[in-house]
Structures are given as C-alpha cells and as structure tokens.
Amino acid sequence: MNVFIQEIVDAHIAIENWLGRGEGELASLMARFAADFSMIAPTGACLDYASLTGFFQAQRGSRPGLKIVVDDFVVLAQWDNGAVIRYRETQGENVRGSTAVFRLQEGQIVWRHLHETALGK
C-alpha cells in the first residue's frame, strides 16, 4: 500500500481510538501533524495545530462507539518528500470528502493540510 495512504488509515485508527475510547497519548497523536498544520473543516472553520490540539484535548473519549471508515483513495500527486491524497471518510451518517497534503519531515510522514467537505449520504 502507498505509504501516504497507509498514514491516512493509521491516523484514523488513532483518532477513532482517541475520540471513541479515550485511548492513546495526545503527544503521539499530535506528532502526526506538522507544526504549521492547517485544516478546513466541513463547517468552513479553519484550524491550525494549536486549535486541533485543543479539540483533541477536549474531545478525548467523547464519542463512544465511534467507527471511522476511510476509502476511495486517489493519489492526486506524489513527489520525493510528499503527496496530495483524496479520500472518503465515513463516520456513521456523516460522510466527508477529504484532500490531504503530506510531507516527509525528519523521516516521518506528517499532515501539512487537510480540507474536508461534507458529502451527501
């Protein structure tokens, strides 16, 4: 499997564990994201690294039974130290189309930018 797609899968497992069961370490979860991370949520809200950290701190274990499915991956671009990947994320009735920008940083894949759009059911 493409290493950037594998990161999407692994990150969503970690997020599901964090939000759904309160499992994991915040530092390990946040290490997946670049210090200059940015995100556009389905609501149009813009988040940076600090606001994403605050979100995860406040939401630990807040969604018991959460199941996240990621699929329909498309590699839009890939280069030596990064990639842009489009995928679908499903959380119950909520379905999102997401585009993520990744970069390699000190040998680790980190999320640089994420744009999520709500999709019809």
PDB file of N, CA and C in Angstrom:
ATOM      1  N   MET A   1       0.853  -1.184   0.000  1.00  0.00           N
ATOM      2  CA  MET A   1       0.000   0.000   0.000  1.00  0.00           C
ATOM      3  C   MET A   1       0.896   1.244   0.000  1.00  0.00           C
ATOM      4  N   ASN A   2       0.458   2.275  -0.666  1.00  0.00           N
ATOM      5  CA  ASN A   2       1.152   3.557  -0.684  1.00  0.00           C
ATOM      6  C   ASN A   2       1.352   4.037   0.761  1.00  0.00           C
ATOM      7  N   VAL A   3       2.551   4.526   1.087  1.00  0.00           N
ATOM      8  CA  VAL A   3       2.855   4.925   2.468  1.00  0.00           C
ATOM      9  C   VAL A   3       1.990   6.077   2.953  1.00  0.00           C
ATOM     10  N   PHE A   4       1.589   6.970   2.065  1.00  0.00           N
ATOM     11  CA  PHE A   4       0.749   8.095   2.468  1.00  0.00           C
ATOM     12  C   PHE A   4      -0.684   7.627   2.722  1.00  0.00           C
ATOM     13  N   ILE A   5      -1.156   6.695   1.919  1.00  0.00           N
ATOM     14  CA  ILE A   5      -2.481   6.106   2.169  1.00  0.00           C
ATOM     15  C   ILE A   5      -2.463   5.328   3.483  1.00  0.00           C
ATOM     16  N   GLN A   6      -1.386   4.596   3.730  1.00  0.00           N
ATOM     17  CA  GLN A   6      -1.277   3.863   4.996  1.00  0.00           C
ATOM     18  C   GLN A   6      -1.318   4.827   6.180  1.00  0.00           C
ATOM     19  N   GLU A   7      -0.700   5.997   6.038  1.00  0.00           N
ATOM     20  CA  GLU A   7      -0.747   7.001   7.109  1.00  0.00           C
ATOM     21  C   GLU A   7      -2.178   7.466   7.355  1.00  0.00           C
ATOM     22  N   ILE A   8      -2.954   7.641   6.291  1.00  0.00           N
ATOM     23  CA  ILE A   8      -4.358   8.034   6.457  1.00  0.00           C
ATOM     24  C   ILE A   8      -5.099   6.975   7.263  1.00  0.00           C
ATOM     25  N   VAL A   9      -4.918   5.718   6.904  1.00  0.00           N
ATOM     26  CA  VAL A   9      -5.575   4.617   7.618  1.00  0.00           C
ATOM     27  C   VAL A   9      -5.132   4.604   9.080  1.00  0.00           C
ATOM     28  N   ASP A  10      -3.819   4.644   9.303  1.00  0.00           N
ATOM     29  CA  ASP A  10      -3.293   4.578  10.673  1.00  0.00           C
ATOM     30  C   ASP A  10      -3.738   5.773  11.516  1.00  0.00           C
ATOM     31  N   ALA A  11      -3.730   6.958  10.931  1.00  0.00           N
ATOM     32  CA  ALA A  11      -4.148   8.153  11.667  1.00  0.00           C
ATOM     33  C   ALA A  11      -5.611   8.062  12.077  1.00  0.00           C
ATOM     34  N   HIS A  12      -6.447   7.553  11.191  1.00  0.00           N
ATOM     35  CA  HIS A  12      -7.872   7.463  11.524  1.00  0.00           C
ATOM     36  C   HIS A  12      -8.151   6.387  12.565  1.00  0.00           C
ATOM     37  N   ILE A  13      -7.333   5.350  12.600  1.00  0.00           N
ATOM     38  CA  ILE A  13      -7.453   4.367  13.687  1.00  0.00           C
ATOM     39  C   ILE A  13      -7.102   5.044  15.010  1.00  0.00           C
ATOM     40  N   ALA A  14      -6.022   5.821  15.025  1.00  0.00           N
ATOM     41  CA  ALA A  14      -5.626   6.531  16.247  1.00  0.00           C
ATOM     42  C   ALA A  14      -6.691   7.530  16.680  1.00  0.00           C
ATOM     43  N   ILE A  15      -7.280   8.247  15.718  1.00  0.00           N
ATOM     44  CA  ILE A  15      -8.332   9.223  16.039  1.00  0.00           C
ATOM     45  C   ILE A  15      -9.584   8.523  16.551  1.00  0.00           C
ATOM     46  N   GLU A  16      -9.952   7.411  15.917  1.00  0.00           N
ATOM     47  CA  GLU A  16     -11.101   6.627  16.382  1.00  0.00           C
ATOM     48  C   GLU A  16     -10.874   6.149  17.818  1.00  0.00           C
ATOM     49  N   ASN A  17      -9.674   5.646  18.101  1.00  0.00           N
ATOM     50  CA  ASN A  17      -9.351   5.189  19.461  1.00  0.00           C
ATOM     51  C   ASN A  17      -9.401   6.347  20.460  1.00  0.00           C
ATOM     52  N   TRP A  18      -8.883   7.499  20.069  1.00  0.00           N
ATOM     53  CA  TRP A  18      -8.853   8.670  20.951  1.00  0.00           C
ATOM     54  C   TRP A  18     -10.265   9.184  21.242  1.00  0.00           C
ATOM     55  N   LEU A  19     -11.021   9.430  20.189  1.00  0.00           N
ATOM     56  CA  LEU A  19     -12.359  10.005  20.361  1.00  0.00           C
ATOM     57  C   LEU A  19     -13.364   8.977  20.870  1.00  0.00           C
ATOM     58  N   GLY A  20     -13.270   7.745  20.395  1.00  0.00           N
ATOM     59  CA  GLY A  20     -14.270   6.730  20.719  1.00  0.00           C
ATOM     60  C   GLY A  20     -14.036   6.012  22.031  1.00  0.00           C
ATOM     61  N   ARG A  21     -12.758   5.814  22.395  1.00  0.00           N
ATOM     62  CA  ARG A  21     -12.441   5.035  23.594  1.00  0.00           C
ATOM     63  C   ARG A  21     -11.539   5.767  24.576  1.00  0.00           C
ATOM     64  N   GLY A  22     -11.086   6.953  24.212  1.00  0.00           N
ATOM     65  CA  GLY A  22     -10.189   7.694  25.088  1.00  0.00           C
ATOM     66  C   GLY A  22      -8.838   7.036  25.228  1.00  0.00           C
ATOM     67  N   GLU A  23      -8.431   6.276  24.211  1.00  0.00           N
ATOM     68  CA  GLU A  23      -7.171   5.550  24.253  1.00  0.00           C
ATOM     69  C   GLU A  23      -6.085   6.278  23.462  1.00  0.00           C
ATOM     70  N   GLY A  24      -4.868   6.144  23.950  1.00  0.00           N
ATOM     71  CA  GLY A  24      -3.724   6.718  23.258  1.00  0.00           C
ATOM     72  C   GLY A  24      -3.141   7.889  24.021  1.00  0.00           C
ATOM     73  N   GLU A  25      -2.055   8.406  23.481  1.00  0.00           N
ATOM     74  CA  GLU A  25      -1.371   9.549  24.076  1.00  0.00           C
ATOM     75  C   GLU A  25      -1.520  10.748  23.153  1.00  0.00           C
ATOM     76  N   LEU A  26      -1.854  11.886  23.712  1.00  0.00           N
ATOM     77  CA  LEU A  26      -2.034  13.095  22.912  1.00  0.00           C
ATOM     78  C   LEU A  26      -0.756  13.441  22.147  1.00  0.00           C
ATOM     79  N   ALA A  27       0.389  13.312  22.775  1.00  0.00           N
ATOM     80  CA  ALA A  27       1.651  13.651  22.105  1.00  0.00           C
ATOM     81  C   ALA A  27       1.871  12.775  20.872  1.00  0.00           C
ATOM     82  N   SER A  28       1.559  11.502  20.971  1.00  0.00           N
ATOM     83  CA  SER A  28       1.709  10.594  19.825  1.00  0.00           C
ATOM     84  C   SER A  28       0.740  10.955  18.705  1.00  0.00           C
ATOM     85  N   LEU A  29      -0.480  11.285  19.069  1.00  0.00           N
ATOM     86  CA  LEU A  29      -1.477  11.679  18.078  1.00  0.00           C
ATOM     87  C   LEU A  29      -1.044  12.963  17.377  1.00  0.00           C
ATOM     88  N   MET A  30      -0.630  13.951  18.132  1.00  0.00           N
ATOM     89  CA  MET A  30      -0.263  15.243  17.548  1.00  0.00           C
ATOM     90  C   MET A  30       1.053  15.196  16.772  1.00  0.00           C
ATOM     91  N   ALA A  31       1.892  14.202  17.039  1.00  0.00           N
ATOM     92  CA  ALA A  31       3.145  14.054  16.292  1.00  0.00           C
ATOM     93  C   ALA A  31       2.891  13.747  14.824  1.00  0.00           C
ATOM     94  N   ARG A  32       1.684  13.343  14.486  1.00  0.00           N
ATOM     95  CA  ARG A  32       1.320  13.073  13.090  1.00  0.00           C
ATOM     96  C   ARG A  32       1.131  14.365  12.284  1.00  0.00           C
ATOM     97  N   PHE A  33       0.997  15.489  12.964  1.00  0.00           N
ATOM     98  CA  PHE A  33       0.661  16.746  12.307  1.00  0.00           C
ATOM     99  C   PHE A  33       1.847  17.708  12.353  1.00  0.00           C
ATOM    100  N   ALA A  34       2.070  18.394  11.245  1.00  0.00           N
ATOM    101  CA  ALA A  34       3.143  19.387  11.166  1.00  0.00           C
ATOM    102  C   ALA A  34       2.823  20.567  12.077  1.00  0.00           C
ATOM    103  N   ALA A  35       3.853  21.223  12.568  1.00  0.00           N
ATOM    104  CA  ALA A  35       3.662  22.401  13.414  1.00  0.00           C
ATOM    105  C   ALA A  35       2.912  23.499  12.678  1.00  0.00           C
ATOM    106  N   ASP A  36       3.041  23.542  11.354  1.00  0.00           N
ATOM    107  CA  ASP A  36       2.328  24.541  10.548  1.00  0.00           C
ATOM    108  C   ASP A  36       1.075  23.946   9.890  1.00  0.00           C
ATOM    109  N   PHE A  37       0.515  22.907  10.523  1.00  0.00           N
ATOM    110  CA  PHE A  37      -0.696  22.256  10.027  1.00  0.00           C
ATOM    111  C   PHE A  37      -1.845  23.259   9.904  1.00  0.00           C
ATOM    112  N   SER A  38      -2.657  23.063   8.867  1.00  0.00           N
ATOM    113  CA  SER A  38      -3.892  23.835   8.709  1.00  0.00           C
ATOM    114  C   SER A  38      -4.983  22.892   8.232  1.00  0.00           C
ATOM    115  N   MET A  39      -6.216  23.254   8.546  1.00  0.00           N
ATOM    116  CA  MET A  39      -7.356  22.413   8.191  1.00  0.00           C
ATOM    117  C   MET A  39      -8.568  23.282   7.944  1.00  0.00           C
ATOM    118  N   ILE A  40      -9.344  22.886   6.949  1.00  0.00           N
ATOM    119  CA  ILE A  40     -10.656  23.479   6.724  1.00  0.00           C
ATOM    120  C   ILE A  40     -11.677  22.378   6.987  1.00  0.00           C
ATOM    121  N   ALA A  41     -12.469  22.561   8.030  1.00  0.00           N
ATOM    122  CA  ALA A  41     -13.472  21.587   8.442  1.00  0.00           C
ATOM    123  C   ALA A  41     -14.701  21.670   7.530  1.00  0.00           C
ATOM    124  N   PRO A  42     -15.567  20.658   7.568  1.00  0.00           N
ATOM    125  CA  PRO A  42     -16.778  20.699   6.735  1.00  0.00           C
ATOM    126  C   PRO A  42     -17.655  21.929   6.986  1.00  0.00           C
ATOM    127  N   THR A  43     -17.553  22.503   8.178  1.00  0.00           N
ATOM    128  CA  THR A  43     -18.330  23.698   8.508  1.00  0.00           C
ATOM    129  C   THR A  43     -17.734  24.968   7.924  1.00  0.00           C
ATOM    130  N   GLY A  44     -16.499  24.847   7.400  1.00  0.00           N
ATOM    131  CA  GLY A  44     -15.787  26.017   6.904  1.00  0.00           C
ATOM    132  C   GLY A  44     -14.840  26.604   7.925  1.00  0.00           C
ATOM    133  N   ALA A  45     -14.876  26.091   9.147  1.00  0.00           N
ATOM    134  CA  ALA A  45     -13.964  26.568  10.188  1.00  0.00           C
ATOM    135  C   ALA A  45     -12.526  26.215   9.816  1.00  0.00           C
ATOM    136  N   CYS A  46     -11.606  27.120  10.125  1.00  0.00           N
ATOM    137  CA  CYS A  46     -10.182  26.902   9.875  1.00  0.00           C
ATOM    138  C   CYS A  46      -9.491  26.581  11.197  1.00  0.00           C
ATOM    139  N   LEU A  47      -8.720  25.517  11.198  1.00  0.00           N
ATOM    140  CA  LEU A  47      -7.992  25.115  12.386  1.00  0.00           C
ATOM    141  C   LEU A  47      -6.508  25.105  12.081  1.00  0.00           C
ATOM    142  N   ASP A  48      -5.713  25.418  13.086  1.00  0.00           N
ATOM    143  CA  ASP A  48      -4.268  25.275  12.993  1.00  0.00           C
ATOM    144  C   ASP A  48      -3.849  24.192  13.995  1.00  0.00           C
ATOM    145  N   TYR A  49      -2.553  24.010  14.139  1.00  0.00           N
ATOM    146  CA  TYR A  49      -2.042  22.972  15.035  1.00  0.00           C
ATOM    147  C   TYR A  49      -2.556  23.168  16.461  1.00  0.00           C
ATOM    148  N   ALA A  50      -2.504  24.392  16.953  1.00  0.00           N
ATOM    149  CA  ALA A  50      -2.933  24.665  18.335  1.00  0.00           C
ATOM    150  C   ALA A  50      -4.419  24.389  18.528  1.00  0.00           C
ATOM    151  N   SER A  51      -5.247  24.779  17.578  1.00  0.00           N
ATOM    152  CA  SER A  51      -6.686  24.546  17.739  1.00  0.00           C
ATOM    153  C   SER A  51      -7.030  23.074  17.571  1.00  0.00           C
ATOM    154  N   LEU A  52      -6.285  22.359  16.723  1.00  0.00           N
ATOM    155  CA  LEU A  52      -6.504  20.914  16.606  1.00  0.00           C
ATOM    156  C   LEU A  52      -6.116  20.222  17.912  1.00  0.00           C
ATOM    157  N   THR A  53      -5.018  20.651  18.509  1.00  0.00           N
ATOM    158  CA  THR A  53      -4.599  20.104  19.799  1.00  0.00           C
ATOM    159  C   THR A  53      -5.684  20.343  20.852  1.00  0.00           C
ATOM    160  N   GLY A  54      -6.211  21.547  20.895  1.00  0.00           N
ATOM    161  CA  GLY A  54      -7.282  21.869  21.833  1.00  0.00           C
ATOM    162  C   GLY A  54      -8.520  21.031  21.605  1.00  0.00           C
ATOM    163  N   PHE A  55      -8.866  20.819  20.338  1.00  0.00           N
ATOM    164  CA  PHE A  55     -10.011  19.973  20.004  1.00  0.00           C
ATOM    165  C   PHE A  55      -9.808  18.568  20.556  1.00  0.00           C
ATOM    166  N   PHE A  56      -8.651  17.978  20.265  1.00  0.00           N
ATOM    167  CA  PHE A  56      -8.412  16.615  20.742  1.00  0.00           C
ATOM    168  C   PHE A  56      -8.366  16.551  22.264  1.00  0.00           C
ATOM    169  N   GLN A  57      -7.794  17.530  22.921  1.00  0.00           N
ATOM    170  CA  GLN A  57      -7.768  17.540  24.384  1.00  0.00           C
ATOM    171  C   GLN A  57      -9.192  17.533  24.944  1.00  0.00           C
ATOM    172  N   ALA A  58     -10.046  18.348  24.372  1.00  0.00           N
ATOM    173  CA  ALA A  58     -11.416  18.490  24.878  1.00  0.00           C
ATOM    174  C   ALA A  58     -12.307  17.299  24.524  1.00  0.00           C
ATOM    175  N   GLN A  59     -11.991  16.586  23.452  1.00  0.00           N
ATOM    176  CA  GLN A  59     -12.900  15.559  22.940  1.00  0.00           C
ATOM    177  C   GLN A  59     -12.482  14.123  23.253  1.00  0.00           C
ATOM    178  N   ARG A  60     -11.454  13.936  24.039  1.00  0.00           N
ATOM    179  CA  ARG A  60     -10.992  12.577  24.345  1.00  0.00           C
ATOM    180  C   ARG A  60     -12.128  11.733  24.923  1.00  0.00           C
ATOM    181  N   GLY A  61     -12.409  10.601  24.266  1.00  0.00           N
ATOM    182  CA  GLY A  61     -13.446   9.673  24.727  1.00  0.00           C
ATOM    183  C   GLY A  61     -14.861  10.185  24.611  1.00  0.00           C
ATOM    184  N   SER A  62     -15.064  11.265  23.883  1.00  0.00           N
ATOM    185  CA  SER A  62     -16.380  11.908  23.829  1.00  0.00           C
ATOM    186  C   SER A  62     -17.372  11.247  22.865  1.00  0.00           C
ATOM    187  N   ARG A  63     -16.911  10.303  22.058  1.00  0.00           N
ATOM    188  CA  ARG A  63     -17.792   9.661  21.074  1.00  0.00           C
ATOM    189  C   ARG A  63     -17.743   8.141  21.195  1.00  0.00           C
ATOM    190  N   PRO A  64     -18.286   7.619  22.288  1.00  0.00           N
ATOM    191  CA  PRO A  64     -18.246   6.171  22.492  1.00  0.00           C
ATOM    192  C   PRO A  64     -18.827   5.421  21.290  1.00  0.00           C
ATOM    193  N   GLY A  65     -18.130   4.353  20.909  1.00  0.00           N
ATOM    194  CA  GLY A  65     -18.594   3.539  19.795  1.00  0.00           C
ATOM    195  C   GLY A  65     -18.271   4.092  18.418  1.00  0.00           C
ATOM    196  N   LEU A  66     -17.523   5.189  18.355  1.00  0.00           N
ATOM    197  CA  LEU A  66     -17.190   5.797  17.070  1.00  0.00           C
ATOM    198  C   LEU A  66     -16.484   4.802  16.162  1.00  0.00           C
ATOM    199  N   LYS A  67     -16.918   4.747  14.918  1.00  0.00           N
ATOM    200  CA  LYS A  67     -16.280   3.930  13.891  1.00  0.00           C
ATOM    201  C   LYS A  67     -16.004   4.841  12.707  1.00  0.00           C
ATOM    202  N   ILE A  68     -14.748   4.901  12.271  1.00  0.00           N
ATOM    203  CA  ILE A  68     -14.351   5.713  11.126  1.00  0.00           C
ATOM    204  C   ILE A  68     -13.888   4.777  10.021  1.00  0.00           C
ATOM    205  N   VAL A  69     -14.452   4.949   8.839  1.00  0.00           N
ATOM    206  CA  VAL A  69     -14.047   4.177   7.668  1.00  0.00           C
ATOM    207  C   VAL A  69     -13.466   5.150   6.657  1.00  0.00           C
ATOM    208  N   VAL A  70     -12.267   4.850   6.163  1.00  0.00           N
ATOM    209  CA  VAL A  70     -11.655   5.647   5.101  1.00  0.00           C
ATOM    210  C   VAL A  70     -11.461   4.752   3.882  1.00  0.00           C
ATOM    211  N   ASP A  71     -11.829   5.289   2.705  1.00  0.00           N
ATOM    212  CA  ASP A  71     -11.725   4.511   1.474  1.00  0.00           C
ATOM    213  C   ASP A  71     -11.717   5.442   0.264  1.00  0.00           C
ATOM    214  N   ASP A  72     -11.825   4.879  -0.907  1.00  0.00           N
ATOM    215  CA  ASP A  72     -11.833   5.635  -2.170  1.00  0.00           C
ATOM    216  C   ASP A  72     -10.628   6.563  -2.299  1.00  0.00           C
ATOM    217  N   PHE A  73      -9.455   6.019  -2.043  1.00  0.00           N
ATOM    218  CA  PHE A  73      -8.217   6.798  -2.095  1.00  0.00           C
ATOM    219  C   PHE A  73      -7.814   7.097  -3.533  1.00  0.00           C
ATOM    220  N   VAL A  74      -7.372   8.315  -3.769  1.00  0.00           N
ATOM    221  CA  VAL A  74      -6.823   8.713  -5.065  1.00  0.00           C
ATOM    222  C   VAL A  74      -5.550   9.520  -4.793  1.00  0.00           C
ATOM    223  N   VAL A  75      -4.458   9.066  -5.368  1.00  0.00           N
ATOM    224  CA  VAL A  75      -3.205   9.822  -5.264  1.00  0.00           C
ATOM    225  C   VAL A  75      -3.263  10.908  -6.337  1.00  0.00           C
ATOM    226  N   LEU A  76      -3.450  12.145  -5.925  1.00  0.00           N
ATOM    227  CA  LEU A  76      -3.539  13.258  -6.867  1.00  0.00           C
ATOM    228  C   LEU A  76      -2.159  13.701  -7.329  1.00  0.00           C
ATOM    229  N   ALA A  77      -1.187  13.638  -6.423  1.00  0.00           N
ATOM    230  CA  ALA A  77       0.197  13.976  -6.753  1.00  0.00           C
ATOM    231  C   ALA A  77       1.093  13.351  -5.696  1.00  0.00           C
ATOM    232  N   GLN A  78       2.283  12.969  -6.121  1.00  0.00           N
ATOM    233  CA  GLN A  78       3.260  12.442  -5.183  1.00  0.00           C
ATOM    234  C   GLN A  78       4.644  12.810  -5.686  1.00  0.00           C
ATOM    235  N   TRP A  79       5.521  13.177  -4.769  1.00  0.00           N
ATOM    236  CA  TRP A  79       6.888  13.542  -5.097  1.00  0.00           C
ATOM    237  C   TRP A  79       7.790  12.952  -4.023  1.00  0.00           C
ATOM    238  N   ASP A  80       9.078  13.200  -4.103  1.00  0.00           N
ATOM    239  CA  ASP A  80      10.039  12.558  -3.202  1.00  0.00           C
ATOM    240  C   ASP A  80       9.712  12.745  -1.727  1.00  0.00           C
ATOM    241  N   ASN A  81       9.248  13.922  -1.341  1.00  0.00           N
ATOM    242  CA  ASN A  81       9.031  14.171   0.084  1.00  0.00           C
ATOM    243  C   ASN A  81       7.612  14.606   0.421  1.00  0.00           C
ATOM    244  N   GLY A  82       6.630  14.154  -0.359  1.00  0.00           N
ATOM    245  CA  GLY A  82       5.251  14.497  -0.026  1.00  0.00           C
ATOM    246  C   GLY A  82       4.242  13.957  -1.014  1.00  0.00           C
ATOM    247  N   ALA A  83       2.985  14.278  -0.736  1.00  0.00           N
ATOM    248  CA  ALA A  83       1.892  13.805  -1.593  1.00  0.00           C
ATOM    249  C   ALA A  83       0.623  14.587  -1.285  1.00  0.00           C
ATOM    250  N   VAL A  84      -0.299  14.518  -2.242  1.00  0.00           N
ATOM    251  CA  VAL A  84      -1.660  15.014  -2.064  1.00  0.00           C
ATOM    252  C   VAL A  84      -2.574  13.825  -2.343  1.00  0.00           C
ATOM    253  N   ILE A  85      -3.390  13.475  -1.358  1.00  0.00           N
ATOM    254  CA  ILE A  85      -4.259  12.302  -1.448  1.00  0.00           C
ATOM    255  C   ILE A  85      -5.707  12.727  -1.190  1.00  0.00           C
ATOM    256  N   ARG A  86      -6.606  12.254  -2.046  1.00  0.00           N
ATOM    257  CA  ARG A  86      -8.044  12.461  -1.830  1.00  0.00           C
ATOM    258  C   ARG A  86      -8.634  11.143  -1.335  1.00  0.00           C
ATOM    259  N   TYR A  87      -9.576  11.240  -0.397  1.00  0.00           N
ATOM    260  CA  TYR A  87     -10.211  10.032   0.134  1.00  0.00           C
ATOM    261  C   TYR A  87     -11.585  10.377   0.705  1.00  0.00           C
ATOM    262  N   ARG A  88     -12.354   9.331   0.982  1.00  0.00           N
ATOM    263  CA  ARG A  88     -13.665   9.490   1.610  1.00  0.00           C
ATOM    264  C   ARG A  88     -13.560   8.992   3.045  1.00  0.00           C
ATOM    265  N   GLU A  89     -14.192   9.732   3.945  1.00  0.00           N
ATOM    266  CA  GLU A  89     -14.235   9.372   5.361  1.00  0.00           C
ATOM    267  C   GLU A  89     -15.688   9.271   5.787  1.00  0.00           C
ATOM    268  N   THR A  90     -16.031   8.146   6.400  1.00  0.00           N
ATOM    269  CA  THR A  90     -17.405   7.933   6.855  1.00  0.00           C
ATOM    270  C   THR A  90     -17.402   7.701   8.359  1.00  0.00           C
ATOM    271  N   GLN A  91     -18.204   8.507   9.062  1.00  0.00           N
ATOM    272  CA  GLN A  91     -18.429   8.360  10.499  1.00  0.00           C
ATOM    273  C   GLN A  91     -19.929   8.261  10.686  1.00  0.00           C
ATOM    274  N   GLY A  92     -20.469   7.050  10.720  1.00  0.00           N
ATOM    275  CA  GLY A  92     -21.916   6.874  10.823  1.00  0.00           C
ATOM    276  C   GLY A  92     -22.609   7.482   9.627  1.00  0.00           C
ATOM    277  N   GLU A  93     -23.486   8.449   9.888  1.00  0.00           N
ATOM    278  CA  GLU A  93     -24.230   9.120   8.813  1.00  0.00           C
ATOM    279  C   GLU A  93     -23.436  10.241   8.157  1.00  0.00           C
ATOM    280  N   ASN A  94     -22.348  10.648   8.781  1.00  0.00           N
ATOM    281  CA  ASN A  94     -21.538  11.746   8.251  1.00  0.00           C
ATOM    282  C   ASN A  94     -20.501  11.211   7.272  1.00  0.00           C
ATOM    283  N   VAL A  95     -20.572  11.713   6.039  1.00  0.00           N
ATOM    284  CA  VAL A  95     -19.626  11.313   5.004  1.00  0.00           C
ATOM    285  C   VAL A  95     -18.910  12.565   4.522  1.00  0.00           C
ATOM    286  N   ARG A  96     -17.584  12.465   4.454  1.00  0.00           N
ATOM    287  CA  ARG A  96     -16.771  13.617   4.061  1.00  0.00           C
ATOM    288  C   ARG A  96     -15.859  13.236   2.903  1.00  0.00           C
ATOM    289  N   GLY A  97     -15.695  14.166   2.000  1.00  0.00           N
ATOM    290  CA  GLY A  97     -14.647  14.067   1.005  1.00  0.00           C
ATOM    291  C   GLY A  97     -13.481  14.875   1.528  1.00  0.00           C
ATOM    292  N   SER A  98     -12.312  14.264   1.563  1.00  0.00           N
ATOM    293  CA  SER A  98     -11.158  14.929   2.152  1.00  0.00           C
ATOM    294  C   SER A  98      -9.984  14.934   1.181  1.00  0.00           C
ATOM    295  N   THR A  99      -9.234  16.004   1.227  1.00  0.00           N
ATOM    296  CA  THR A  99      -7.980  16.111   0.486  1.00  0.00           C
ATOM    297  C   THR A  99      -6.906  16.488   1.487  1.00  0.00           C
ATOM    298  N   ALA A 100      -5.846  15.677   1.522  1.00  0.00           N
ATOM    299  CA  ALA A 100      -4.771  15.880   2.486  1.00  0.00           C
ATOM    300  C   ALA A 100      -3.448  16.104   1.770  1.00  0.00           C
ATOM    301  N   VAL A 101      -2.679  17.029   2.313  1.00  0.00           N
ATOM    302  CA  VAL A 101      -1.330  17.305   1.829  1.00  0.00           C
ATOM    303  C   VAL A 101      -0.366  16.795   2.898  1.00  0.00           C
ATOM    304  N   PHE A 102       0.577  15.962   2.476  1.00  0.00           N
ATOM    305  CA  PHE A 102       1.560  15.364   3.381  1.00  0.00           C
ATOM    306  C   PHE A 102       2.961  15.796   2.992  1.00  0.00           C
ATOM    307  N   ARG A 103       3.853  15.758   3.981  1.00  0.00           N
ATOM    308  CA  ARG A 103       5.267  15.923   3.677  1.00  0.00           C
ATOM    309  C   ARG A 103       6.067  15.006   4.597  1.00  0.00           C
ATOM    310  N   LEU A 104       7.237  14.640   4.113  1.00  0.00           N
ATOM    311  CA  LEU A 104       8.176  13.902   4.947  1.00  0.00           C
ATOM    312  C   LEU A 104       8.981  14.910   5.733  1.00  0.00           C
ATOM    313  N   GLN A 105       9.039  14.693   7.030  1.00  0.00           N
ATOM    314  CA  GLN A 105       9.740  15.612   7.929  1.00  0.00           C
ATOM    315  C   GLN A 105      10.587  14.767   8.867  1.00  0.00           C
ATOM    316  N   GLU A 106      11.880  14.858   8.726  1.00  0.00           N
ATOM    317  CA  GLU A 106      12.804  14.068   9.551  1.00  0.00           C
ATOM    318  C   GLU A 106      12.463  12.582   9.483  1.00  0.00           C
ATOM    319  N   GLY A 107      12.145  12.113   8.276  1.00  0.00           N
ATOM    320  CA  GLY A 107      11.859  10.702   8.049  1.00  0.00           C
ATOM    321  C   GLY A 107      10.463  10.252   8.420  1.00  0.00           C
ATOM    322  N   GLN A 108       9.606  11.150   8.869  1.00  0.00           N
ATOM    323  CA  GLN A 108       8.244  10.815   9.275  1.00  0.00           C
ATOM    324  C   GLN A 108       7.250  11.540   8.372  1.00  0.00           C
ATOM    325  N   ILE A 109       6.184  10.850   8.021  1.00  0.00           N
ATOM    326  CA  ILE A 109       5.101  11.475   7.263  1.00  0.00           C
ATOM    327  C   ILE A 109       4.283  12.325   8.229  1.00  0.00           C
ATOM    328  N   VAL A 110       4.078  13.599   7.871  1.00  0.00           N
ATOM    329  CA  VAL A 110       3.225  14.470   8.677  1.00  0.00           C
ATOM    330  C   VAL A 110       2.149  15.101   7.794  1.00  0.00           C
ATOM    331  N   TRP A 111       1.026  15.366   8.417  1.00  0.00           N
ATOM    332  CA  TRP A 111      -0.091  16.038   7.757  1.00  0.00           C
ATOM    333  C   TRP A 111       0.215  17.537   7.735  1.00  0.00           C
ATOM    334  N   ARG A 112       0.249  18.136   6.548  1.00  0.00           N
ATOM    335  CA  ARG A 112       0.502  19.567   6.422  1.00  0.00           C
ATOM    336  C   ARG A 112      -0.800  20.348   6.285  1.00  0.00           C
ATOM    337  N   HIS A 113      -1.754  19.796   5.522  1.00  0.00           N
ATOM    338  CA  HIS A 113      -3.036  20.469   5.321  1.00  0.00           C
ATOM    339  C   HIS A 113      -4.117  19.423   5.078  1.00  0.00           C
ATOM    340  N   LEU A 114      -5.323  19.712   5.555  1.00  0.00           N
ATOM    341  CA  LEU A 114      -6.482  18.838   5.349  1.00  0.00           C
ATOM    342  C   LEU A 114      -7.687  19.708   5.044  1.00  0.00           C
ATOM    343  N   HIS A 115      -8.403  19.351   3.982  1.00  0.00           N
ATOM    344  CA  HIS A 115      -9.629  20.053   3.616  1.00  0.00           C
ATOM    345  C   HIS A 115     -10.735  19.010   3.542  1.00  0.00           C
ATOM    346  N   GLU A 116     -11.766  19.183   4.385  1.00  0.00           N
ATOM    347  CA  GLU A 116     -12.888  18.248   4.439  1.00  0.00           C
ATOM    348  C   GLU A 116     -14.146  18.928   3.917  1.00  0.00           C
ATOM    349  N   THR A 117     -14.915  18.184   3.147  1.00  0.00           N
ATOM    350  CA  THR A 117     -16.177  18.685   2.612  1.00  0.00           C
ATOM    351  C   THR A 117     -17.265  17.659   2.900  1.00  0.00           C
ATOM    352  N   ALA A 118     -18.384  18.098   3.453  1.00  0.00           N
ATOM    353  CA  ALA A 118     -19.500  17.190   3.700  1.00  0.00           C
ATOM    354  C   ALA A 118     -20.060  16.704   2.368  1.00  0.00           C
ATOM    355  N   LEU A 119     -20.303  15.394   2.289  1.00  0.00           N
ATOM    356  CA  LEU A 119     -20.885  14.789   1.100  1.00  0.00           C
ATOM    357  C   LEU A 119     -22.292  14.312   1.401  1.00  0.00           C
ATOM    358  N   GLY A 120     -23.107  14.196   0.389  1.00  0.00           N
ATOM    359  CA  GLY A 120     -24.464  13.647   0.567  1.00  0.00           C
ATOM    360  C   GLY A 120     -24.390  12.198   0.991  1.00  0.00           C
ATOM    361  N   LYS A 121     -25.433  11.744   1.623  1.00  0.00           N
ATOM    362  CA  LYS A 121     -25.475  10.358   2.121  1.00  0.00           C
ATOM    363  C   LYS A 121     -25.706   9.379   1.016  1.00  0.00           C
TER     364      LYS A 121
END
